Amino acid sequence: MSGSDAASDDLGRDIAARTDVYFNRTRQVVMRFGDKRVTYAVFLRRPVISAPRLALEWLQRVAAARATEFDIDLVQPEGVWTGAGEPIAYITGSLMHLADLETILLQKLGPACVAAHNAYQMSMALPKIAFLAMDARHCAGAEMQDMMAYAASVGSAAAQREGAVGFVGNANDGTAHWFGAAAGRGTMPHALIGYAGSTVRAAEMFRETFPDEPLTVLTDYFGREIGDGLAVCRRFPDLAASGRLSVRLDTHGGRFLEGLDPAESYAVLERHAPGAIRRYRSETELRYLVGTGVSAAAIWRMREVLDEAGFSTVRIVVSSGFNVEKCRVMADARAPIDLVGTGSFLPDLWSETYATADIVAYDGMPMVKVGREFLLRRNGERRRGG
């Protein structure tokens, strides 16, 4: 057996093991009673950004392994906004070869489209601010990690076409290529500060080990975001002056940034973004504005003390739960953020990621289950993708 034959057999066994049994049995029935040429419509039930590449590349690998061809009409090209129920693609081919692929195909499509939509919305909410994808630690294994990085790059690219900065990179080497980079970006976790014994010493250790790298320092380990942040700036005045030093706010949601409380948080926003706190706000929005953790007030307060101390070129990096809603609130408060590190473009409600596929034609004859007639091709419908 050749290497390609062995790989094909391995792929076949993997598909058979991971797909729903009723699809495997359908394939066996078709093999016994005769094949038909069918067309599937693939869609999601909610608005998304089309991110089909991983799913369709897998489909083409299967076609090659089975010595067949699938005609893929990509109605919604990668990066295009797609409405609820709109077919992303029509896939035509042998039912014998397509019947058992639905389970895995949909796994590779739905989550990527929803995550791409989230990344797009976040980028558009803060169009002048750069994002760093920090999703890997929240992913269920390598396949999801690759899928989510791909999705963020698609959503980001869609936002960039509308003028946003979007995602400028990610936090690991393995998926950096999706952002056009050779390597991931990042400086230190809280563990390094605990190891060093102080925030300043951790910064010194990093600088000695990576002298050519910009320095981003976590400042919340000891609950002294302001004190430790200023201490690092004073320790590295040249980096601070050149804009190569950043403080990263990652304050735990159970406490306020150093020196803040509810009253002082309101006072900070009153100085910088009074309109943001004078409108009706939900409980969640208020927490993002003046609550514990990395609030808009916390970010403004950090900017105040840096500027007052003469470190106006020191950048502020924020992390901790920056999802679509939090980004919108930060935009409303005009929070002085330079970069957002986030993995919160991952789908929050997993049921929304469920993609669906229905056969809409058998041997050229339109036919679909009752209730899904909206998937049928309209007469004269033109192909919109490649």
Protein backbone atom coordinates (compact mmCIF):
# COMPACT_ATOMS: atom_id res chain seq x y z
CA MET A 1 0.00 0.00 0.00
CA SER A 2 1.36 3.43 -0.95
CA GLY A 3 1.62 6.28 1.49
CA SER A 4 -1.23 8.13 -0.19
CA ASP A 5 -3.46 5.04 -0.01
CA ALA A 6 -2.69 4.65 3.69
CA ALA A 7 -3.47 8.31 4.32
CA SER A 8 -6.74 7.93 2.45
CA ASP A 9 -7.66 4.89 4.54
CA ASP A 10 -6.81 6.76 7.74
CA LEU A 11 -9.01 9.67 6.65
CA GLY A 12 -11.86 7.31 5.85
CA ARG A 13 -11.63 5.60 9.23
CA ASP A 14 -11.52 8.96 11.00
CA ILE A 15 -14.63 10.16 9.17
CA ALA A 16 -16.50 6.94 9.91
CA ALA A 17 -15.59 7.09 13.59
CA ARG A 18 -16.44 10.75 14.15
CA THR A 19 -19.56 11.16 12.03
CA ASP A 20 -23.10 10.44 13.20
CA VAL A 21 -24.03 6.81 12.63
CA TYR A 22 -27.20 7.62 10.68
CA PHE A 23 -25.10 9.34 8.03
CA ASN A 24 -22.81 6.31 7.78
CA ARG A 25 -25.85 4.08 7.37
CA THR A 26 -27.32 6.41 4.74
CA ARG A 27 -24.12 6.01 2.74
CA GLN A 28 -24.41 2.24 2.95
CA VAL A 29 -28.03 2.38 1.75
CA VAL A 30 -27.06 4.56 -1.20
CA MET A 31 -24.20 2.25 -2.10
CA ARG A 32 -26.69 -0.64 -2.21
CA PHE A 33 -29.59 1.00 -4.07
CA GLY A 34 -27.79 3.42 -6.36
CA ASP A 35 -26.19 6.83 -6.21
CA LYS A 36 -27.72 10.22 -6.94
CA ARG A 37 -26.18 13.61 -7.62
CA VAL A 38 -27.31 15.97 -4.87
CA THR A 39 -26.92 19.58 -3.85
CA TYR A 40 -26.55 20.62 -0.22
CA ALA A 41 -27.24 24.11 1.10
CA VAL A 42 -25.14 25.01 4.14
CA PHE A 43 -26.21 27.84 6.46
CA LEU A 44 -26.41 29.22 10.01
CA ARG A 45 -29.49 30.44 11.86
CA ARG A 46 -27.91 33.74 12.97
CA PRO A 47 -26.01 36.53 11.21
CA VAL A 48 -22.31 35.78 10.80
CA ILE A 49 -19.21 36.68 8.86
CA SER A 50 -18.58 33.91 6.33
CA ALA A 51 -15.46 31.95 7.32
CA PRO A 52 -15.66 28.74 5.29
CA ARG A 53 -12.05 28.10 4.31
CA LEU A 54 -11.19 25.37 6.82
CA ALA A 55 -14.42 23.50 6.14
CA LEU A 56 -14.10 23.69 2.36
CA GLU A 57 -10.40 22.81 2.31
CA TRP A 58 -11.22 19.70 4.35
CA LEU A 59 -14.03 18.86 1.93
CA GLN A 60 -11.66 19.09 -1.01
CA ARG A 61 -9.15 16.80 0.72
CA VAL A 62 -11.88 14.23 1.18
CA ALA A 63 -12.89 14.55 -2.47
CA ALA A 64 -9.31 13.95 -3.57
CA ALA A 65 -8.97 10.94 -1.26
CA ARG A 66 -12.20 9.46 -2.68
CA ALA A 67 -11.24 10.20 -6.29
CA THR A 68 -14.33 12.31 -6.81
CA GLU A 69 -15.17 15.99 -7.24
CA PHE A 70 -17.49 18.33 -5.40
CA ASP A 71 -18.82 21.43 -7.11
CA ILE A 72 -18.71 24.20 -4.49
CA ASP A 73 -20.73 27.33 -5.19
CA LEU A 74 -19.51 29.72 -2.51
CA VAL A 75 -22.43 32.12 -2.40
CA GLN A 76 -21.01 34.06 0.55
CA PRO A 77 -17.25 34.49 0.05
CA GLU A 78 -14.88 34.61 2.99
CA GLY A 79 -15.25 37.81 5.01
CA VAL A 80 -18.74 38.70 3.77
CA TRP A 81 -21.58 39.47 6.19
CA THR A 82 -24.20 36.74 5.90
CA GLY A 83 -27.76 36.94 7.16
CA ALA A 84 -29.54 34.33 9.27
CA GLY A 85 -30.64 31.44 7.07
CA GLU A 86 -28.70 32.58 4.02
CA PRO A 87 -26.83 29.70 2.37
CA ILE A 88 -23.09 30.21 2.64
CA ALA A 89 -22.42 27.58 -0.01
CA TYR A 90 -24.13 25.08 -2.24
CA ILE A 91 -22.21 21.82 -2.49
CA THR A 92 -23.01 19.41 -5.30
CA GLY A 93 -21.72 15.88 -5.83
CA SER A 94 -22.29 12.18 -5.30
CA LEU A 95 -24.59 11.40 -2.37
CA MET A 96 -22.51 8.29 -1.74
CA HIS A 97 -19.48 10.49 -1.14
CA LEU A 98 -21.24 13.40 0.60
CA ALA A 99 -23.70 11.63 2.90
CA ASP A 100 -21.25 10.93 5.70
CA LEU A 101 -19.44 14.29 5.63
CA GLU A 102 -22.09 16.56 7.09
CA THR A 103 -21.20 16.13 10.77
CA ILE A 104 -17.54 17.08 10.44
CA LEU A 105 -18.14 19.74 7.78
CA LEU A 106 -20.53 21.62 10.06
CA GLN A 107 -18.12 21.37 13.00
CA LYS A 108 -15.55 23.23 10.93
CA LEU A 109 -17.92 25.92 9.67
CA GLY A 110 -20.28 27.22 12.36
CA PRO A 111 -17.90 28.19 15.19
CA ALA A 112 -15.51 29.89 12.80
CA CYS A 113 -18.28 32.05 11.29
CA VAL A 114 -19.58 33.18 14.69
CA ALA A 115 -16.09 33.94 16.03
CA ALA A 116 -15.30 35.90 12.86
CA HIS A 117 -18.46 37.94 13.38
CA ASN A 118 -17.47 38.68 16.98
CA ALA A 119 -13.95 39.72 15.97
CA TYR A 120 -15.40 41.99 13.30
CA GLN A 121 -17.79 43.65 15.75
CA MET A 122 -15.07 44.17 18.35
CA SER A 123 -12.73 45.70 15.78
CA MET A 124 -15.46 48.01 14.51
CA ALA A 125 -16.46 49.05 18.04
CA LEU A 126 -12.89 50.28 18.67
CA PRO A 127 -11.69 51.01 15.14
CA LYS A 128 -8.61 53.02 16.14
CA ILE A 129 -7.33 50.46 18.63
CA ALA A 130 -5.21 47.40 17.89
CA PHE A 131 -6.22 43.93 19.08
CA LEU A 132 -4.11 40.91 19.99
CA ALA A 133 -5.75 37.48 19.81
CA MET A 134 -5.27 35.67 23.14
CA ASP A 135 -7.75 32.86 22.60
CA ALA A 136 -5.52 29.77 22.72
CA ARG A 137 -5.84 29.10 26.45
CA HIS A 138 -9.63 28.99 26.10
CA CYS A 139 -9.70 26.56 23.18
CA ALA A 140 -10.53 22.87 23.40
CA GLY A 141 -7.39 21.59 21.72
CA ALA A 142 -5.24 22.34 18.70
CA GLU A 143 -7.97 22.10 16.07
CA MET A 144 -10.15 24.66 17.81
CA GLN A 145 -7.12 26.86 18.42
CA ASP A 146 -6.37 26.97 14.70
CA MET A 147 -10.05 27.53 13.86
CA MET A 148 -10.44 30.46 16.25
CA ALA A 149 -7.26 32.18 15.10
CA TYR A 150 -8.39 31.80 11.50
CA ALA A 151 -11.80 33.22 12.43
CA ALA A 152 -10.30 36.25 14.17
CA SER A 153 -8.17 36.96 11.13
CA VAL A 154 -11.22 36.81 8.84
CA GLY A 155 -13.35 39.09 11.02
CA SER A 156 -10.43 41.45 11.50
CA ALA A 157 -9.74 41.63 7.76
CA ALA A 158 -13.40 42.49 7.14
CA ALA A 159 -13.13 45.35 9.67
CA GLN A 160 -9.81 46.50 8.22
CA ARG A 161 -11.47 46.88 4.83
CA GLU A 162 -13.72 49.42 6.54
CA GLY A 163 -10.83 51.32 8.07
CA ALA A 164 -10.36 49.63 11.46
CA VAL A 165 -6.96 48.65 12.85
CA GLY A 166 -8.25 45.22 13.85
CA PHE A 167 -6.13 42.32 15.06
CA VAL A 168 -2.43 42.94 14.56
CA GLY A 169 -1.25 39.56 15.81
CA ASN A 170 -1.77 36.80 18.34
CA ALA A 171 -0.12 35.26 21.36
CA ASN A 172 1.40 32.02 20.02
CA ASP A 173 3.62 30.92 17.18
CA GLY A 174 1.48 28.06 15.91
CA THR A 175 -1.34 30.23 14.58
CA ALA A 176 0.57 33.47 13.98
CA HIS A 177 0.50 32.84 10.22
CA TRP A 178 -3.21 33.70 10.14
CA PHE A 179 -2.19 37.26 11.00
CA GLY A 180 0.66 37.42 8.51
CA ALA A 181 3.28 37.01 11.24
CA ALA A 182 6.10 34.53 11.79
CA ALA A 183 5.68 34.41 15.56
CA GLY A 184 3.30 35.24 18.37
CA ARG A 185 3.56 38.28 20.60
CA GLY A 186 3.65 38.68 24.37
CA THR A 187 5.86 39.49 27.31
CA MET A 188 5.02 37.91 30.65
CA PRO A 189 2.30 36.13 32.65
CA HIS A 190 1.56 36.71 36.31
CA ALA A 191 3.67 33.63 37.07
CA LEU A 192 6.86 35.46 36.12
CA ILE A 193 6.10 38.28 38.53
CA GLY A 194 5.46 35.81 41.32
CA TYR A 195 8.74 34.11 40.46
CA ALA A 196 10.66 37.38 40.44
CA GLY A 197 9.14 38.59 43.69
CA SER A 198 8.34 42.06 42.43
CA THR A 199 6.91 43.69 39.31
CA VAL A 200 10.05 45.74 38.72
CA ARG A 201 12.33 42.73 39.08
CA ALA A 202 10.23 40.75 36.62
CA ALA A 203 10.61 43.60 34.14
CA GLU A 204 14.37 43.64 34.72
CA MET A 205 14.62 39.90 34.16
CA PHE A 206 12.67 40.12 30.96
CA ARG A 207 14.73 43.02 29.71
CA GLU A 208 18.00 41.22 30.44
CA THR A 209 16.77 38.09 28.64
CA PHE A 210 15.14 39.84 25.66
CA PRO A 211 16.99 43.18 25.33
CA ASP A 212 15.64 43.95 21.85
CA GLU A 213 11.97 43.35 22.60
CA PRO A 214 9.43 46.01 23.58
CA LEU A 215 8.36 45.59 27.19
CA THR A 216 4.79 45.12 28.38
CA VAL A 217 4.47 44.70 32.14
CA LEU A 218 1.51 43.33 34.08
CA THR A 219 0.83 45.67 36.98
CA ASP A 220 -1.94 44.04 39.02
CA TYR A 221 -0.15 41.11 40.69
CA PHE A 222 0.33 42.89 44.01
CA GLY A 223 -2.72 45.12 43.64
CA ARG A 224 -0.49 48.13 42.95
CA GLU A 225 -1.32 48.94 39.34
CA ILE A 226 -0.39 52.59 39.76
CA GLY A 227 2.55 52.24 42.14
CA ASP A 228 4.18 49.35 40.30
CA GLY A 229 3.37 50.82 36.89
CA LEU A 230 5.13 54.08 37.74
CA ALA A 231 8.04 52.20 39.33
CA VAL A 232 8.65 50.30 36.10
CA CYS A 233 8.48 53.52 34.10
CA ARG A 234 11.09 55.12 36.36
CA ARG A 235 13.28 52.04 36.10
CA PHE A 236 13.23 52.14 32.30
CA PRO A 237 12.95 55.84 31.35
CA ASP A 238 14.45 55.34 27.89
CA LEU A 239 11.90 52.66 26.99
CA ALA A 240 9.15 54.83 28.42
CA ALA A 241 10.23 57.85 26.39
CA SER A 242 10.54 55.87 23.15
CA GLY A 243 7.08 54.35 23.38
CA ARG A 244 8.48 50.84 23.78
CA LEU A 245 7.10 50.39 27.28
CA SER A 246 3.50 49.40 28.02
CA VAL A 247 1.61 48.72 31.22
CA ARG A 248 -0.99 46.01 31.00
CA LEU A 249 -4.13 46.23 33.11
CA ASP A 250 -5.63 42.86 33.99
CA THR A 251 -7.19 43.70 37.36
CA HIS A 252 -9.25 40.90 38.87
CA GLY A 253 -13.01 41.40 38.71
CA GLY A 254 -13.26 41.10 42.48
CA ARG A 255 -11.39 44.32 43.22
CA PHE A 256 -10.93 47.89 42.03
CA LEU A 257 -7.79 49.27 40.48
CA GLU A 258 -5.47 50.72 43.11
CA GLY A 259 -6.95 53.89 44.58
CA LEU A 260 -10.41 53.51 43.07
CA ASP A 261 -13.76 52.80 44.64
CA PRO A 262 -17.28 53.41 43.26
CA ALA A 263 -17.31 57.11 44.11
CA GLU A 264 -13.84 57.79 42.74
CA SER A 265 -14.59 55.76 39.61
CA TYR A 266 -17.58 57.99 38.87
CA ALA A 267 -15.39 61.03 39.50
CA VAL A 268 -12.79 59.83 37.01
CA LEU A 269 -15.37 59.39 34.26
CA GLU A 270 -16.95 62.72 35.15
CA ARG A 271 -13.60 64.30 34.32
CA HIS A 272 -13.10 62.52 31.00
CA ALA A 273 -16.35 61.08 29.62
CA PRO A 274 -19.33 62.45 31.57
CA GLY A 275 -21.80 61.54 28.86
CA ALA A 276 -21.02 57.86 29.30
CA ILE A 277 -22.47 57.78 32.81
CA ARG A 278 -25.46 60.07 32.31
CA ARG A 279 -27.52 57.70 30.20
CA TYR A 280 -29.46 54.64 31.18
CA ARG A 281 -27.11 51.72 31.66
CA SER A 282 -27.62 48.04 32.30
CA GLU A 283 -25.91 46.49 35.28
CA THR A 284 -23.27 44.97 33.02
CA GLU A 285 -22.57 48.28 31.28
CA LEU A 286 -22.17 50.04 34.61
CA ARG A 287 -19.68 47.41 35.73
CA TYR A 288 -17.65 47.97 32.58
CA LEU A 289 -17.73 51.73 33.19
CA VAL A 290 -17.20 52.18 36.92
CA GLY A 291 -17.09 48.74 38.47
CA THR A 292 -14.37 46.41 39.60
CA GLY A 293 -11.79 44.91 37.27
CA VAL A 294 -10.56 46.64 34.12
CA SER A 295 -13.22 49.33 33.88
CA ALA A 296 -13.24 52.47 31.73
CA ALA A 297 -12.59 54.44 34.90
CA ALA A 298 -9.57 52.27 35.70
CA ILE A 299 -8.08 52.86 32.26
CA TRP A 300 -8.65 56.61 32.45
CA ARG A 301 -7.11 56.71 35.93
CA MET A 302 -4.02 54.88 34.72
CA ARG A 303 -3.68 57.35 31.85
CA GLU A 304 -4.03 60.26 34.26
CA VAL A 305 -1.24 59.13 36.57
CA LEU A 306 1.11 58.24 33.71
CA ASP A 307 0.63 61.63 32.11
CA GLU A 308 0.97 63.49 35.41
CA ALA A 309 4.28 61.69 36.06
CA GLY A 310 5.64 62.63 32.64
CA PHE A 311 5.13 59.28 30.95
CA SER A 312 2.67 60.30 28.27
CA THR A 313 4.29 58.01 25.70
CA VAL A 314 3.86 54.87 27.81
CA ARG A 315 1.16 52.74 26.26
CA ILE A 316 -1.79 51.06 27.99
CA VAL A 317 -2.64 47.47 27.15
CA VAL A 318 -5.85 46.02 28.56
CA SER A 319 -7.19 42.50 28.93
CA SER A 320 -9.85 40.62 30.89
CA GLY A 321 -13.19 39.91 29.27
CA PHE A 322 -13.09 42.33 26.35
CA ASN A 323 -16.02 40.95 24.40
CA VAL A 324 -18.20 42.83 21.90
CA GLU A 325 -20.33 44.51 24.57
CA LYS A 326 -17.36 45.62 26.66
CA CYS A 327 -15.63 47.04 23.59
CA ARG A 328 -18.72 49.07 22.76
CA VAL A 329 -18.86 50.49 26.28
CA MET A 330 -15.16 51.38 26.13
CA ALA A 331 -15.77 53.20 22.87
CA ASP A 332 -18.61 55.16 24.46
CA ALA A 333 -16.31 56.17 27.31
CA ARG A 334 -13.47 56.99 24.88
CA ALA A 335 -11.18 54.88 27.05
CA PRO A 336 -7.51 55.65 26.24
CA ILE A 337 -6.52 52.14 25.18
CA ASP A 338 -3.58 51.39 22.91
CA LEU A 339 -4.06 47.65 22.55
CA VAL A 340 -6.67 45.08 23.63
CA GLY A 341 -5.57 41.54 24.36
CA THR A 342 -8.57 39.25 24.18
CA GLY A 343 -9.86 35.79 23.50
CA SER A 344 -13.46 36.87 24.01
CA PHE A 345 -14.30 36.68 20.34
CA LEU A 346 -14.83 32.97 21.01
CA PRO A 347 -18.54 32.18 20.77
CA ASP A 348 -20.21 32.81 24.11
CA LEU A 349 -23.41 30.89 23.38
CA TRP A 350 -22.29 27.68 21.72
CA SER A 351 -25.75 26.80 20.42
CA GLU A 352 -25.48 29.79 18.09
CA THR A 353 -22.56 28.11 16.30
CA TYR A 354 -24.62 25.19 15.04
CA ALA A 355 -24.39 25.20 11.26
CA THR A 356 -26.95 23.19 9.28
CA ALA A 357 -26.94 21.44 5.92
CA ASP A 358 -29.96 20.31 3.88
CA ILE A 359 -30.14 18.63 0.51
CA VAL A 360 -32.06 20.93 -1.84
CA ALA A 361 -31.87 18.93 -5.09
CA TYR A 362 -31.71 15.25 -6.12
CA ASP A 363 -30.44 14.58 -9.65
CA GLY A 364 -31.28 18.17 -10.53
CA MET A 365 -34.82 18.04 -9.14
CA PRO A 366 -35.40 20.71 -6.43
CA MET A 367 -36.60 19.09 -3.21
CA VAL A 368 -36.16 19.97 0.45
CA LYS A 369 -37.93 19.18 3.70
CA VAL A 370 -40.98 21.26 4.54
CA GLY A 371 -39.99 24.47 6.28
CA ARG A 372 -36.67 24.82 4.50
CA GLU A 373 -37.99 25.99 1.14
CA PHE A 374 -36.06 29.24 1.61
CA LEU A 375 -32.90 27.28 0.83
CA LEU A 376 -33.98 26.38 -2.70
CA ARG A 377 -32.14 28.18 -5.45
CA ARG A 378 -34.24 30.87 -7.05
CA ASN A 379 -34.64 30.84 -10.83
CA GLY A 380 -31.83 32.75 -12.40
CA GLU A 381 -29.90 33.04 -9.14
CA ARG A 382 -26.37 34.07 -9.94
CA ARG A 383 -23.23 32.79 -8.33
CA ARG A 384 -21.79 35.38 -5.97
CA GLY A 385 -18.63 33.59 -4.94
CA GLY A 386 -15.82 31.60 -6.53
